Amino acid sequence: MSDLSDSVGTLWVVIWLGVVVFFIWTMWRVYEKAGKPGWACLIPIYNGLVMLDMAGKSRWWFLGYLVPILNIVLACIVAVEIAHRFGKSTAFGWGLILLGFIFYPILAFGDAEYHAA
C-alpha cells in the first residue's frame, strides 16, 4: 500500500510541476508580447511593477497593493487595462481576474497583440 501512495504522490508532484512550468511559460510569453523581458514574470515584486507598466499605470500604484481591499480593486483595474492593451474587451479582463488559468494562455498563445496607449 505504501508503494501505491508513493507513486500517487510522485504523480501529483509531476503534474503540479508541469502546471507550474506551463504557467511560467504562459506569463513569460505575455510579458514578451508586451515588449517586456519574459524573465520579469519570475521576480516577485518586480513582476508587479512590470504589470503596472504593461497596464500603463504609475509604479506608485504598487503601494496600493499593500493596502487590504484596495489591492483587490487595483489588481482588477490592472487586469482589465491589460486586456484592453491586448485589444480585448472588459469582459475578457474579468476573465483574466476570475479565470486567469484560462484567459492568460489565450493572451499568450492566441493572436492578440499588445498596443501601448
Protein backbone atom coordinates (compact mmCIF):
# COMPACT_ATOMS: atom_id res chain seq x y z
CA MET A 1 0.00 0.00 0.00
CA SER A 2 2.85 2.37 0.77
CA ASP A 3 4.29 1.90 -2.73
CA LEU A 4 0.96 2.88 -4.27
CA SER A 5 0.67 6.03 -2.18
CA ASP A 6 4.28 6.95 -3.02
CA SER A 7 3.51 6.51 -6.72
CA VAL A 8 0.37 8.63 -6.49
CA GLY A 9 2.26 11.30 -4.56
CA THR A 10 5.03 11.32 -7.16
CA LEU A 11 2.47 11.56 -9.96
CA TRP A 12 0.82 14.59 -8.31
CA VAL A 13 4.20 16.30 -7.92
CA VAL A 14 5.00 15.71 -11.60
CA ILE A 15 1.58 17.05 -12.66
CA TRP A 16 1.94 20.06 -10.35
CA LEU A 17 5.41 20.83 -11.75
CA GLY A 18 4.03 20.56 -15.29
CA VAL A 19 1.27 23.05 -14.46
CA VAL A 20 3.78 25.45 -12.86
CA VAL A 21 6.10 25.26 -15.87
CA PHE A 22 3.16 25.82 -18.23
CA PHE A 23 2.05 28.96 -16.39
CA ILE A 24 5.57 30.33 -16.18
CA TRP A 25 5.82 29.82 -19.95
CA THR A 26 2.40 31.48 -20.37
CA MET A 27 3.28 34.58 -18.36
CA TRP A 28 6.72 34.74 -20.00
CA ARG A 29 5.00 34.95 -23.41
CA VAL A 30 2.51 37.58 -22.22
CA TYR A 31 5.37 39.74 -20.94
CA GLU A 32 7.32 39.31 -24.17
CA LYS A 33 4.28 40.17 -26.30
CA ALA A 34 4.06 43.40 -24.31
CA GLY A 35 7.70 44.17 -25.09
CA LYS A 36 8.89 43.39 -21.57
CA PRO A 37 11.55 40.86 -20.58
CA GLY A 38 9.98 37.44 -20.10
CA TRP A 39 12.13 36.67 -17.08
CA ALA A 40 10.42 39.53 -15.25
CA CYS A 41 7.48 37.23 -14.51
CA LEU A 42 9.75 35.19 -12.23
CA ILE A 43 10.85 38.01 -9.90
CA PRO A 44 8.48 38.78 -7.02
CA ILE A 45 7.57 42.46 -6.62
CA TYR A 46 9.32 43.37 -9.88
CA ASN A 47 6.73 41.37 -11.83
CA GLY A 48 4.00 43.52 -10.27
CA LEU A 49 5.83 46.68 -11.30
CA VAL A 50 6.16 45.38 -14.86
CA MET A 51 2.44 44.51 -14.92
CA LEU A 52 1.70 48.11 -13.89
CA ASP A 53 3.89 49.27 -16.78
CA MET A 54 2.02 46.96 -19.15
CA ALA A 55 -1.28 48.44 -17.93
CA GLY A 56 0.03 51.97 -18.38
CA LYS A 57 -0.27 52.74 -14.68
CA SER A 58 2.23 54.56 -12.49
CA ARG A 59 4.59 52.42 -10.46
CA TRP A 60 3.35 54.34 -7.42
CA TRP A 61 0.22 52.23 -7.69
CA PHE A 62 2.30 49.40 -6.28
CA LEU A 63 1.95 50.99 -2.85
CA GLY A 64 -1.79 50.43 -3.17
CA TYR A 65 -1.13 46.70 -3.38
CA LEU A 66 -0.01 46.89 0.25
CA VAL A 67 -3.44 48.13 1.42
CA PRO A 68 -6.06 45.44 2.07
CA ILE A 69 -9.19 45.65 -0.12
CA LEU A 70 -7.59 48.41 -2.22
CA ASN A 71 -5.14 45.81 -3.56
CA ILE A 72 -8.02 43.75 -4.95
CA VAL A 73 -9.58 46.78 -6.63
CA LEU A 74 -6.25 47.83 -8.16
CA ALA A 75 -5.49 44.30 -9.38
CA CYS A 76 -8.88 44.24 -11.14
CA ILE A 77 -8.24 47.63 -12.76
CA VAL A 78 -4.80 46.49 -13.94
CA ALA A 79 -6.16 43.21 -15.36
CA VAL A 80 -8.91 44.99 -17.29
CA GLU A 81 -6.43 47.56 -18.62
CA ILE A 82 -4.05 44.79 -19.72
CA ALA A 83 -6.95 43.16 -21.58
CA HIS A 84 -7.66 46.48 -23.29
CA ARG A 85 -3.98 46.87 -24.22
CA PHE A 86 -4.16 43.48 -25.93
CA GLY A 87 -7.25 44.59 -27.85
CA LYS A 88 -9.65 42.59 -25.71
CA SER A 89 -12.89 43.63 -24.03
CA THR A 90 -13.63 44.50 -20.42
CA ALA A 91 -15.36 41.11 -20.16
CA PHE A 92 -12.07 39.46 -21.18
CA GLY A 93 -10.39 41.48 -18.42
CA TRP A 94 -12.84 39.99 -15.95
CA GLY A 95 -11.92 36.62 -17.38
CA LEU A 96 -8.29 37.40 -16.53
CA ILE A 97 -9.39 38.19 -12.99
CA LEU A 98 -11.73 35.26 -12.37
CA LEU A 99 -10.37 32.57 -14.69
CA GLY A 100 -6.78 33.60 -15.27
CA PHE A 101 -5.69 29.99 -15.80
CA ILE A 102 -7.80 30.01 -18.99
CA PHE A 103 -7.56 33.62 -20.17
CA TYR A 104 -3.81 34.26 -19.73
CA PRO A 105 -2.95 31.32 -22.03
CA ILE A 106 -5.39 32.78 -24.56
CA LEU A 107 -3.40 36.04 -24.44
CA ALA A 108 -0.08 34.22 -24.56
CA PHE A 109 -0.73 31.76 -27.35
CA GLY A 110 -3.50 33.50 -29.29
CA ASP A 111 -3.18 36.19 -31.91
CA ALA A 112 -3.69 39.11 -29.51
CA GLU A 113 -1.13 41.88 -29.93
CA TYR A 114 -0.11 44.43 -27.33
CA HIS A 115 -0.76 48.07 -28.14
CA ALA A 116 0.68 50.71 -25.83
CA ALA A 117 -1.55 53.74 -25.48
